[in-house]
Amino acid sequence: MILIALLIVLTLIGAVILYMISPAKRREIFLSNGPKYYAHRGLYTADQTVPENSLPAFSLAVHRNYGIELDVQLTKDGKIVVFHDDDLLRCTGIRGRTGDYTFDELERGMRLFDTDCRIPLFHDVLGLICGKVPLIIELKACPEWRELCRSVLHELNTYEGLYCVESFDPKIVNWYRIHAPEIIRGQLSEQYRHSFRQFGPVLSFCSSRLLGNFLSRPDFIAYRLGRRPLLAEIAWRMSSCRVGWTMGPSEASKHLSGDSDILIFEHLDPDETVSA
């Protein structure tokens, strides 16, 4: 009797966990039929002479016909800019968030990696790409995430190219699930060891196991390359499309033949590597 009760409890726990990690019901998405390779923050160079998330980097990716992965945040005056880091210091030498400055202040006072390139507006990046290649758009987790979601959706409503959205924050992915269910959405995640210092043990554990999927119900999962925890592996296998990030030159031979449907790459030419 005790054994039966224990089996029932374990079955219920398993069912709850499966419910929590399950992605959306499978649907046909453009990622499955489009290019396999997406340039990470554009086709930027390792020495940043062509800076990441810059107009020249995006132009080079378009020229090579690679899909593009990019990151968006808000400025103090509510403009959407394409920028990755939570802090401006690494890329511009200036401390603070994009949200601490107006766009004019960013444009006038900051250059990317001492080049002539500036932090671009999302609107200008979309105008440059103009539907020539598909986009994976990461919305960065931030206090003003609802405003970011609304602003990005407003901008995308007039864009005619192929795109999808993704985020580490399940709340952001869930926002698109509710307000724009027609848009393909993805859940970003990575192994616990990469995020626990930033997010703490509890949030990092839940994120790395994709336990927030019950909120976001993503169409695809974008997971950092490497071994995945068991729960993440189950969710990975259930998703409509599997996106691996970020493949560099030293990892190419291992991951080009791996189980990712899409690979986000940097500092290599995947087409040349495959044909070599």
C-alpha atoms as a PDB file:
ATOM      1  CA  MET A   1       0.000   0.000   0.000  1.00  0.00           C
ATOM      2  CA  ILE A   2       2.817   2.353   0.924  1.00  0.00           C
ATOM      3  CA  LEU A   3       4.626   1.464  -2.301  1.00  0.00           C
ATOM      4  CA  ILE A   4       1.537   2.246  -4.399  1.00  0.00           C
ATOM      5  CA  ALA A   5       1.078   5.577  -2.616  1.00  0.00           C
ATOM      6  CA  LEU A   6       4.745   6.388  -3.223  1.00  0.00           C
ATOM      7  CA  LEU A   7       4.417   5.543  -6.924  1.00  0.00           C
ATOM      8  CA  ILE A   8       1.340   7.781  -7.199  1.00  0.00           C
ATOM      9  CA  VAL A   9       3.179  10.669  -5.523  1.00  0.00           C
ATOM     10  CA  LEU A  10       6.220  10.220  -7.781  1.00  0.00           C
ATOM     11  CA  THR A  11       3.989  10.064 -10.857  1.00  0.00           C
ATOM     12  CA  LEU A  12       2.232  13.274  -9.852  1.00  0.00           C
ATOM     13  CA  ILE A  13       5.552  15.013  -9.215  1.00  0.00           C
ATOM     14  CA  GLY A  14       6.808  13.845 -12.601  1.00  0.00           C
ATOM     15  CA  ALA A  15       3.647  15.083 -14.302  1.00  0.00           C
ATOM     16  CA  VAL A  16       3.957  18.511 -12.655  1.00  0.00           C
ATOM     17  CA  ILE A  17       7.609  18.815 -13.669  1.00  0.00           C
ATOM     18  CA  LEU A  18       6.809  17.761 -17.230  1.00  0.00           C
ATOM     19  CA  TYR A  19       4.046  20.376 -17.350  1.00  0.00           C
ATOM     20  CA  MET A  20       6.458  23.047 -16.132  1.00  0.00           C
ATOM     21  CA  ILE A  21       9.191  22.369 -18.704  1.00  0.00           C
ATOM     22  CA  SER A  22       6.993  21.644 -21.727  1.00  0.00           C
ATOM     23  CA  PRO A  23       7.352  24.113 -24.625  1.00  0.00           C
ATOM     24  CA  ALA A  24       4.461  25.193 -26.832  1.00  0.00           C
ATOM     25  CA  LYS A  25       2.705  22.692 -29.039  1.00  0.00           C
ATOM     26  CA  ARG A  26       4.759  22.102 -32.145  1.00  0.00           C
ATOM     27  CA  ARG A  27       4.023  24.433 -35.015  1.00  0.00           C
ATOM     28  CA  GLU A  28       5.781  25.084 -38.290  1.00  0.00           C
ATOM     29  CA  ILE A  29       8.166  28.001 -37.842  1.00  0.00           C
ATOM     30  CA  PHE A  30      10.433  29.739 -40.328  1.00  0.00           C
ATOM     31  CA  LEU A  31      13.515  28.836 -38.312  1.00  0.00           C
ATOM     32  CA  SER A  32      13.077  25.206 -39.352  1.00  0.00           C
ATOM     33  CA  ASN A  33      13.234  26.059 -43.079  1.00  0.00           C
ATOM     34  CA  GLY A  34      15.554  29.076 -43.091  1.00  0.00           C
ATOM     35  CA  PRO A  35      19.343  29.383 -42.815  1.00  0.00           C
ATOM     36  CA  LYS A  36      21.070  27.198 -40.248  1.00  0.00           C
ATOM     37  CA  TYR A  37      23.633  29.811 -39.231  1.00  0.00           C
ATOM     38  CA  TYR A  38      23.017  33.125 -37.448  1.00  0.00           C
ATOM     39  CA  ALA A  39      25.771  35.687 -36.875  1.00  0.00           C
ATOM     40  CA  HIS A  40      26.055  36.511 -33.179  1.00  0.00           C
ATOM     41  CA  ARG A  41      25.509  40.280 -32.752  1.00  0.00           C
ATOM     42  CA  GLY A  42      26.203  40.592 -36.463  1.00  0.00           C
ATOM     43  CA  LEU A  43      29.334  39.519 -38.310  1.00  0.00           C
ATOM     44  CA  TYR A  44      31.725  41.324 -35.982  1.00  0.00           C
ATOM     45  CA  THR A  45      35.469  40.727 -35.677  1.00  0.00           C
ATOM     46  CA  ALA A  46      37.270  39.263 -32.674  1.00  0.00           C
ATOM     47  CA  ASP A  47      39.338  42.433 -32.273  1.00  0.00           C
ATOM     48  CA  GLN A  48      36.170  44.585 -32.446  1.00  0.00           C
ATOM     49  CA  THR A  49      37.496  46.691 -35.341  1.00  0.00           C
ATOM     50  CA  VAL A  50      34.079  45.818 -36.730  1.00  0.00           C
ATOM     51  CA  PRO A  51      32.183  46.092 -33.442  1.00  0.00           C
ATOM     52  CA  GLU A  52      29.454  43.780 -32.217  1.00  0.00           C
ATOM     53  CA  ASN A  53      25.855  44.976 -32.632  1.00  0.00           C
ATOM     54  CA  SER A  54      26.968  47.713 -35.047  1.00  0.00           C
ATOM     55  CA  LEU A  55      25.616  48.704 -38.448  1.00  0.00           C
ATOM     56  CA  PRO A  56      28.808  47.504 -40.234  1.00  0.00           C
ATOM     57  CA  ALA A  57      28.555  44.108 -38.495  1.00  0.00           C
ATOM     58  CA  PHE A  58      24.940  43.721 -39.592  1.00  0.00           C
ATOM     59  CA  SER A  59      25.773  44.872 -43.113  1.00  0.00           C
ATOM     60  CA  LEU A  60      28.503  42.219 -43.394  1.00  0.00           C
ATOM     61  CA  ALA A  61      26.116  39.499 -42.197  1.00  0.00           C
ATOM     62  CA  VAL A  62      23.541  40.558 -44.775  1.00  0.00           C
ATOM     63  CA  HIS A  63      26.236  40.545 -47.479  1.00  0.00           C
ATOM     64  CA  ARG A  64      27.182  36.962 -46.523  1.00  0.00           C
ATOM     65  CA  ASN A  65      23.500  35.967 -46.346  1.00  0.00           C
ATOM     66  CA  TYR A  66      23.669  34.836 -42.723  1.00  0.00           C
ATOM     67  CA  GLY A  67      20.792  35.207 -40.314  1.00  0.00           C
ATOM     68  CA  ILE A  68      21.417  37.696 -37.518  1.00  0.00           C
ATOM     69  CA  GLU A  69      21.053  37.504 -33.740  1.00  0.00           C
ATOM     70  CA  LEU A  70      20.903  40.871 -31.967  1.00  0.00           C
ATOM     71  CA  ASP A  71      19.986  42.397 -28.603  1.00  0.00           C
ATOM     72  CA  VAL A  72      17.647  45.279 -27.777  1.00  0.00           C
ATOM     73  CA  GLN A  73      17.292  47.586 -24.773  1.00  0.00           C
ATOM     74  CA  LEU A  74      15.665  50.934 -23.963  1.00  0.00           C
ATOM     75  CA  THR A  75      17.248  54.339 -23.450  1.00  0.00           C
ATOM     76  CA  LYS A  76      16.215  56.848 -20.812  1.00  0.00           C
ATOM     77  CA  ASP A  77      13.918  58.558 -23.331  1.00  0.00           C
ATOM     78  CA  GLY A  78      12.290  55.287 -24.443  1.00  0.00           C
ATOM     79  CA  LYS A  79      14.193  54.703 -27.689  1.00  0.00           C
ATOM     80  CA  ILE A  80      15.043  51.104 -28.610  1.00  0.00           C
ATOM     81  CA  VAL A  81      18.769  50.583 -29.139  1.00  0.00           C
ATOM     82  CA  VAL A  82      20.719  47.514 -30.187  1.00  0.00           C
ATOM     83  CA  PHE A  83      23.164  46.724 -27.387  1.00  0.00           C
ATOM     84  CA  HIS A  84      23.997  43.615 -25.384  1.00  0.00           C
ATOM     85  CA  ASP A  85      25.611  44.268 -22.003  1.00  0.00           C
ATOM     86  CA  ASP A  86      23.805  45.373 -18.852  1.00  0.00           C
ATOM     87  CA  ASP A  87      26.589  47.941 -18.409  1.00  0.00           C
ATOM     88  CA  LEU A  88      28.064  50.206 -21.078  1.00  0.00           C
ATOM     89  CA  LEU A  89      31.629  49.975 -19.737  1.00  0.00           C
ATOM     90  CA  ARG A  90      33.062  47.106 -21.783  1.00  0.00           C
ATOM     91  CA  CYS A  91      31.871  48.452 -25.124  1.00  0.00           C
ATOM     92  CA  THR A  92      32.115  52.231 -24.610  1.00  0.00           C
ATOM     93  CA  GLY A  93      34.365  52.869 -21.591  1.00  0.00           C
ATOM     94  CA  ILE A  94      31.461  54.665 -19.847  1.00  0.00           C
ATOM     95  CA  ARG A  95      29.713  53.275 -16.787  1.00  0.00           C
ATOM     96  CA  GLY A  96      25.943  52.933 -16.556  1.00  0.00           C
ATOM     97  CA  ARG A  97      23.010  51.285 -18.317  1.00  0.00           C
ATOM     98  CA  THR A  98      21.533  52.341 -21.629  1.00  0.00           C
ATOM     99  CA  GLY A  99      18.498  53.317 -19.541  1.00  0.00           C
ATOM    100  CA  ASP A 100      20.578  55.927 -17.708  1.00  0.00           C
ATOM    101  CA  TYR A 101      21.130  57.964 -20.886  1.00  0.00           C
ATOM    102  CA  THR A 102      19.008  59.472 -23.634  1.00  0.00           C
ATOM    103  CA  PHE A 103      19.702  58.300 -27.167  1.00  0.00           C
ATOM    104  CA  ASP A 104      21.268  61.661 -28.031  1.00  0.00           C
ATOM    105  CA  GLU A 105      23.668  61.263 -25.111  1.00  0.00           C
ATOM    106  CA  LEU A 106      24.601  57.757 -26.272  1.00  0.00           C
ATOM    107  CA  GLU A 107      25.073  58.903 -29.848  1.00  0.00           C
ATOM    108  CA  ARG A 108      27.055  62.052 -29.060  1.00  0.00           C
ATOM    109  CA  GLY A 109      29.190  60.786 -26.207  1.00  0.00           C
ATOM    110  CA  MET A 110      29.939  57.120 -26.793  1.00  0.00           C
ATOM    111  CA  ARG A 111      31.741  55.117 -29.455  1.00  0.00           C
ATOM    112  CA  LEU A 112      31.861  51.331 -29.696  1.00  0.00           C
ATOM    113  CA  PHE A 113      35.338  50.011 -28.866  1.00  0.00           C
ATOM    114  CA  ASP A 114      37.051  53.273 -29.922  1.00  0.00           C
ATOM    115  CA  THR A 115      35.795  52.956 -33.486  1.00  0.00           C
ATOM    116  CA  ASP A 116      33.652  55.453 -35.363  1.00  0.00           C
ATOM    117  CA  CYS A 117      30.594  53.253 -34.772  1.00  0.00           C
ATOM    118  CA  ARG A 118      27.829  54.306 -32.395  1.00  0.00           C
ATOM    119  CA  ILE A 119      25.131  52.345 -30.589  1.00  0.00           C
ATOM    120  CA  PRO A 120      22.435  52.024 -33.288  1.00  0.00           C
ATOM    121  CA  LEU A 121      18.710  52.495 -33.067  1.00  0.00           C
ATOM    122  CA  PHE A 122      16.689  49.319 -33.586  1.00  0.00           C
ATOM    123  CA  HIS A 123      14.690  51.206 -36.220  1.00  0.00           C
ATOM    124  CA  ASP A 124      17.857  51.918 -38.220  1.00  0.00           C
ATOM    125  CA  VAL A 125      19.023  48.306 -37.968  1.00  0.00           C
ATOM    126  CA  LEU A 126      15.685  47.066 -39.289  1.00  0.00           C
ATOM    127  CA  GLY A 127      15.956  49.577 -42.116  1.00  0.00           C
ATOM    128  CA  LEU A 128      19.417  48.283 -42.996  1.00  0.00           C
ATOM    129  CA  ILE A 129      18.446  44.609 -42.926  1.00  0.00           C
ATOM    130  CA  CYS A 130      15.102  45.283 -44.638  1.00  0.00           C
ATOM    131  CA  GLY A 131      13.981  41.654 -44.697  1.00  0.00           C
ATOM    132  CA  LYS A 132      17.090  40.414 -46.543  1.00  0.00           C
ATOM    133  CA  VAL A 133      17.923  37.872 -43.811  1.00  0.00           C
ATOM    134  CA  PRO A 134      15.914  36.543 -40.831  1.00  0.00           C
ATOM    135  CA  LEU A 135      16.425  37.908 -37.312  1.00  0.00           C
ATOM    136  CA  ILE A 136      16.574  36.469 -33.822  1.00  0.00           C
ATOM    137  CA  ILE A 137      15.830  39.407 -31.513  1.00  0.00           C
ATOM    138  CA  GLU A 138      16.789  39.068 -27.859  1.00  0.00           C
ATOM    139  CA  LEU A 139      14.930  41.335 -25.443  1.00  0.00           C
ATOM    140  CA  LYS A 140      17.169  41.977 -22.461  1.00  0.00           C
ATOM    141  CA  ALA A 141      15.768  41.493 -18.971  1.00  0.00           C
ATOM    142  CA  CYS A 142      15.342  44.902 -17.328  1.00  0.00           C
ATOM    143  CA  PRO A 143      13.104  46.748 -14.831  1.00  0.00           C
ATOM    144  CA  GLU A 144      11.189  48.385 -17.705  1.00  0.00           C
ATOM    145  CA  TRP A 145      10.587  45.088 -19.493  1.00  0.00           C
ATOM    146  CA  ARG A 146       6.890  45.747 -20.209  1.00  0.00           C
ATOM    147  CA  GLU A 147       7.700  49.027 -21.952  1.00  0.00           C
ATOM    148  CA  LEU A 148      10.451  47.267 -23.899  1.00  0.00           C
ATOM    149  CA  CYS A 149       8.020  44.542 -25.023  1.00  0.00           C
ATOM    150  CA  ARG A 150       5.427  47.086 -26.148  1.00  0.00           C
ATOM    151  CA  SER A 151       7.960  49.281 -27.949  1.00  0.00           C
ATOM    152  CA  VAL A 152       9.579  46.380 -29.800  1.00  0.00           C
ATOM    153  CA  LEU A 153       6.197  45.017 -30.852  1.00  0.00           C
ATOM    154  CA  HIS A 154       5.182  48.452 -32.137  1.00  0.00           C
ATOM    155  CA  GLU A 155       8.376  48.639 -34.208  1.00  0.00           C
ATOM    156  CA  LEU A 156       7.972  45.117 -35.567  1.00  0.00           C
ATOM    157  CA  ASN A 157       4.354  45.711 -36.617  1.00  0.00           C
ATOM    158  CA  THR A 158       5.607  47.636 -39.656  1.00  0.00           C
ATOM    159  CA  TYR A 159       8.576  45.362 -40.438  1.00  0.00           C
ATOM    160  CA  GLU A 160       8.052  42.930 -43.305  1.00  0.00           C
ATOM    161  CA  GLY A 161      11.024  40.612 -42.853  1.00  0.00           C
ATOM    162  CA  LEU A 162      11.215  37.311 -41.003  1.00  0.00           C
ATOM    163  CA  TYR A 163      11.953  37.561 -37.291  1.00  0.00           C
ATOM    164  CA  CYS A 164      11.407  35.927 -33.924  1.00  0.00           C
ATOM    165  CA  VAL A 165      11.898  37.104 -30.340  1.00  0.00           C
ATOM    166  CA  GLU A 166      13.639  35.485 -27.390  1.00  0.00           C
ATOM    167  CA  SER A 167      14.674  36.289 -23.841  1.00  0.00           C
ATOM    168  CA  PHE A 168      16.203  34.791 -20.725  1.00  0.00           C
ATOM    169  CA  ASP A 169      13.256  36.229 -18.793  1.00  0.00           C
ATOM    170  CA  PRO A 170      10.172  33.952 -19.042  1.00  0.00           C
ATOM    171  CA  LYS A 171       7.972  36.967 -18.229  1.00  0.00           C
ATOM    172  CA  ILE A 172       9.055  38.644 -21.471  1.00  0.00           C
ATOM    173  CA  VAL A 173       8.456  35.502 -23.532  1.00  0.00           C
ATOM    174  CA  ASN A 174       5.070  35.100 -21.832  1.00  0.00           C
ATOM    175  CA  TRP A 175       4.179  38.714 -22.675  1.00  0.00           C
ATOM    176  CA  TYR A 176       4.520  37.879 -26.363  1.00  0.00           C
ATOM    177  CA  ARG A 177       2.597  34.665 -25.856  1.00  0.00           C
ATOM    178  CA  ILE A 178      -0.353  36.728 -24.564  1.00  0.00           C
ATOM    179  CA  HIS A 179      -0.144  39.919 -26.634  1.00  0.00           C
ATOM    180  CA  ALA A 180       1.298  38.660 -29.935  1.00  0.00           C
ATOM    181  CA  PRO A 181       0.856  34.875 -30.114  1.00  0.00           C
ATOM    182  CA  GLU A 182       1.493  34.893 -33.856  1.00  0.00           C
ATOM    183  CA  ILE A 183       5.124  35.917 -33.270  1.00  0.00           C
ATOM    184  CA  ILE A 184       7.565  33.036 -32.899  1.00  0.00           C
ATOM    185  CA  ARG A 185       9.065  33.181 -29.414  1.00  0.00           C
ATOM    186  CA  GLY A 186      12.030  31.430 -27.812  1.00  0.00           C
ATOM    187  CA  GLN A 187      13.305  30.767 -24.316  1.00  0.00           C
ATOM    188  CA  LEU A 188      17.004  31.431 -23.741  1.00  0.00           C
ATOM    189  CA  SER A 189      18.868  29.423 -21.138  1.00  0.00           C
ATOM    190  CA  GLU A 190      22.290  28.171 -20.110  1.00  0.00           C
ATOM    191  CA  GLN A 191      23.953  25.850 -17.649  1.00  0.00           C
ATOM    192  CA  TYR A 192      23.825  26.685 -13.941  1.00  0.00           C
ATOM    193  CA  ARG A 193      27.576  27.334 -13.673  1.00  0.00           C
ATOM    194  CA  HIS A 194      27.368  30.248 -16.105  1.00  0.00           C
ATOM    195  CA  SER A 195      24.623  32.201 -14.344  1.00  0.00           C
ATOM    196  CA  PHE A 196      24.555  31.443 -10.608  1.00  0.00           C
ATOM    197  CA  ARG A 197      26.863  34.343  -9.682  1.00  0.00           C
ATOM    198  CA  GLN A 198      24.573  36.801 -11.441  1.00  0.00           C
ATOM    199  CA  PHE A 199      21.143  35.395 -10.594  1.00  0.00           C
ATOM    200  CA  GLY A 200      21.738  33.363  -7.436  1.00  0.00           C
ATOM    201  CA  PRO A 201      21.302  29.620  -6.895  1.00  0.00           C
ATOM    202  CA  VAL A 202      17.490  29.341  -6.984  1.00  0.00           C
ATOM    203  CA  LEU A 203      16.796  31.370 -10.139  1.00  0.00           C
ATOM    204  CA  SER A 204      19.819  29.879 -11.904  1.00  0.00           C
ATOM    205  CA  PHE A 205      18.719  26.335 -11.083  1.00  0.00           C
ATOM    206  CA  CYS A 206      15.166  26.953 -12.321  1.00  0.00           C
ATOM    207  CA  SER A 207      16.350  28.741 -15.457  1.00  0.00           C
ATOM    208  CA  SER A 208      18.934  26.112 -16.379  1.00  0.00           C
ATOM    209  CA  ARG A 209      16.236  23.396 -16.069  1.00  0.00           C
ATOM    210  CA  LEU A 210      13.711  25.491 -18.057  1.00  0.00           C
ATOM    211  CA  LEU A 211      11.209  25.329 -15.227  1.00  0.00           C
ATOM    212  CA  GLY A 212       9.734  28.649 -16.376  1.00  0.00           C
ATOM    213  CA  ASN A 213       8.429  27.169 -19.615  1.00  0.00           C
ATOM    214  CA  PHE A 214       4.967  26.877 -18.054  1.00  0.00           C
ATOM    215  CA  LEU A 215       4.887  30.687 -18.253  1.00  0.00           C
ATOM    216  CA  SER A 216       6.550  31.256 -21.605  1.00  0.00           C
ATOM    217  CA  ARG A 217       5.540  28.112 -23.547  1.00  0.00           C
ATOM    218  CA  PRO A 218       8.269  28.842 -26.112  1.00  0.00           C
ATOM    219  CA  ASP A 219       8.188  27.714 -29.740  1.00  0.00           C
ATOM    220  CA  PHE A 220      11.932  27.151 -29.627  1.00  0.00           C
ATOM    221  CA  ILE A 221      14.634  26.801 -27.011  1.00  0.00           C
ATOM    222  CA  ALA A 222      17.979  28.591 -27.367  1.00  0.00           C
ATOM    223  CA  TYR A 223      20.467  26.887 -25.074  1.00  0.00           C
ATOM    224  CA  ARG A 224      24.157  27.519 -24.523  1.00  0.00           C
ATOM    225  CA  LEU A 225      26.262  24.879 -26.267  1.00  0.00           C
ATOM    226  CA  GLY A 226      27.530  22.078 -24.047  1.00  0.00           C
ATOM    227  CA  ARG A 227      25.938  19.422 -21.891  1.00  0.00           C
ATOM    228  CA  ARG A 228      22.398  20.161 -20.752  1.00  0.00           C
ATOM    229  CA  PRO A 229      20.735  19.032 -17.488  1.00  0.00           C
ATOM    230  CA  LEU A 230      18.230  16.191 -17.879  1.00  0.00           C
ATOM    231  CA  LEU A 231      15.129  18.408 -17.612  1.00  0.00           C
ATOM    232  CA  ALA A 232      16.555  20.859 -20.132  1.00  0.00           C
ATOM    233  CA  GLU A 233      17.364  17.969 -22.443  1.00  0.00           C
ATOM    234  CA  ILE A 234      13.771  16.700 -22.279  1.00  0.00           C
ATOM    235  CA  ALA A 235      12.391  20.180 -23.037  1.00  0.00           C
ATOM    236  CA  TRP A 236      14.982  20.574 -25.820  1.00  0.00           C
ATOM    237  CA  ARG A 237      13.785  17.393 -27.495  1.00  0.00           C
ATOM    238  CA  MET A 238      10.142  18.480 -27.256  1.00  0.00           C
ATOM    239  CA  SER A 239      10.580  21.928 -28.839  1.00  0.00           C
ATOM    240  CA  SER A 240       9.751  22.835 -32.439  1.00  0.00           C
ATOM    241  CA  CYS A 241      13.277  24.105 -33.056  1.00  0.00           C
ATOM    242  CA  ARG A 242      16.558  23.909 -31.141  1.00  0.00           C
ATOM    243  CA  VAL A 243      18.966  26.848 -31.245  1.00  0.00           C
ATOM    244  CA  GLY A 244      22.530  26.406 -29.969  1.00  0.00           C
ATOM    245  CA  TRP A 245      24.730  29.348 -28.960  1.00  0.00           C
ATOM    246  CA  THR A 246      27.477  30.491 -29.352  1.00  0.00           C
ATOM    247  CA  MET A 247      29.746  28.456 -31.633  1.00  0.00           C
ATOM    248  CA  GLY A 248      33.324  29.712 -31.999  1.00  0.00           C
ATOM    249  CA  PRO A 249      36.237  28.391 -34.087  1.00  0.00           C
ATOM    250  CA  SER A 250      37.447  25.927 -31.437  1.00  0.00           C
ATOM    251  CA  GLU A 251      33.985  24.339 -31.136  1.00  0.00           C
ATOM    252  CA  ALA A 252      33.011  24.206 -34.796  1.00  0.00           C
ATOM    253  CA  SER A 253      33.999  20.617 -35.560  1.00  0.00           C
ATOM    254  CA  LYS A 254      32.078  19.371 -32.522  1.00  0.00           C
ATOM    255  CA  HIS A 255      28.861  21.345 -32.910  1.00  0.00           C
ATOM    256  CA  LEU A 256      28.398  21.576 -36.679  1.00  0.00           C
ATOM    257  CA  SER A 257      27.343  17.934 -36.632  1.00  0.00           C
ATOM    258  CA  GLY A 258      25.468  18.206 -33.326  1.00  0.00           C
ATOM    259  CA  ASP A 259      21.767  18.225 -32.500  1.00  0.00           C
ATOM    260  CA  SER A 260      21.077  21.950 -32.945  1.00  0.00           C
ATOM    261  CA  ASP A 261      18.711  22.906 -35.750  1.00  0.00           C
ATOM    262  CA  ILE A 262      20.121  26.455 -35.699  1.00  0.00           C
ATOM    263  CA  LEU A 263      23.617  27.542 -34.676  1.00  0.00           C
ATOM    264  CA  ILE A 264      24.506  31.063 -33.579  1.00  0.00           C
ATOM    265  CA  PHE A 265      28.182  31.614 -34.334  1.00  0.00           C
ATOM    266  CA  GLU A 266      30.987  34.150 -34.069  1.00  0.00           C
ATOM    267  CA  HIS A 267      34.545  34.585 -35.376  1.00  0.00           C
ATOM    268  CA  LEU A 268      34.325  31.904 -38.085  1.00  0.00           C
ATOM    269  CA  ASP A 269      32.739  31.246 -41.446  1.00  0.00           C
ATOM    270  CA  PRO A 270      30.427  28.244 -40.998  1.00  0.00           C
ATOM    271  CA  ASP A 271      29.882  27.739 -44.726  1.00  0.00           C
ATOM    272  CA  GLU A 272      33.618  27.504 -45.362  1.00  0.00           C
ATOM    273  CA  THR A 273      34.089  25.255 -42.324  1.00  0.00           C
ATOM    274  CA  VAL A 274      31.380  22.843 -43.518  1.00  0.00           C
ATOM    275  CA  SER A 275      32.802  22.652 -47.048  1.00  0.00           C
ATOM    276  CA  ALA A 276      36.401  22.212 -45.872  1.00  0.00           C
END
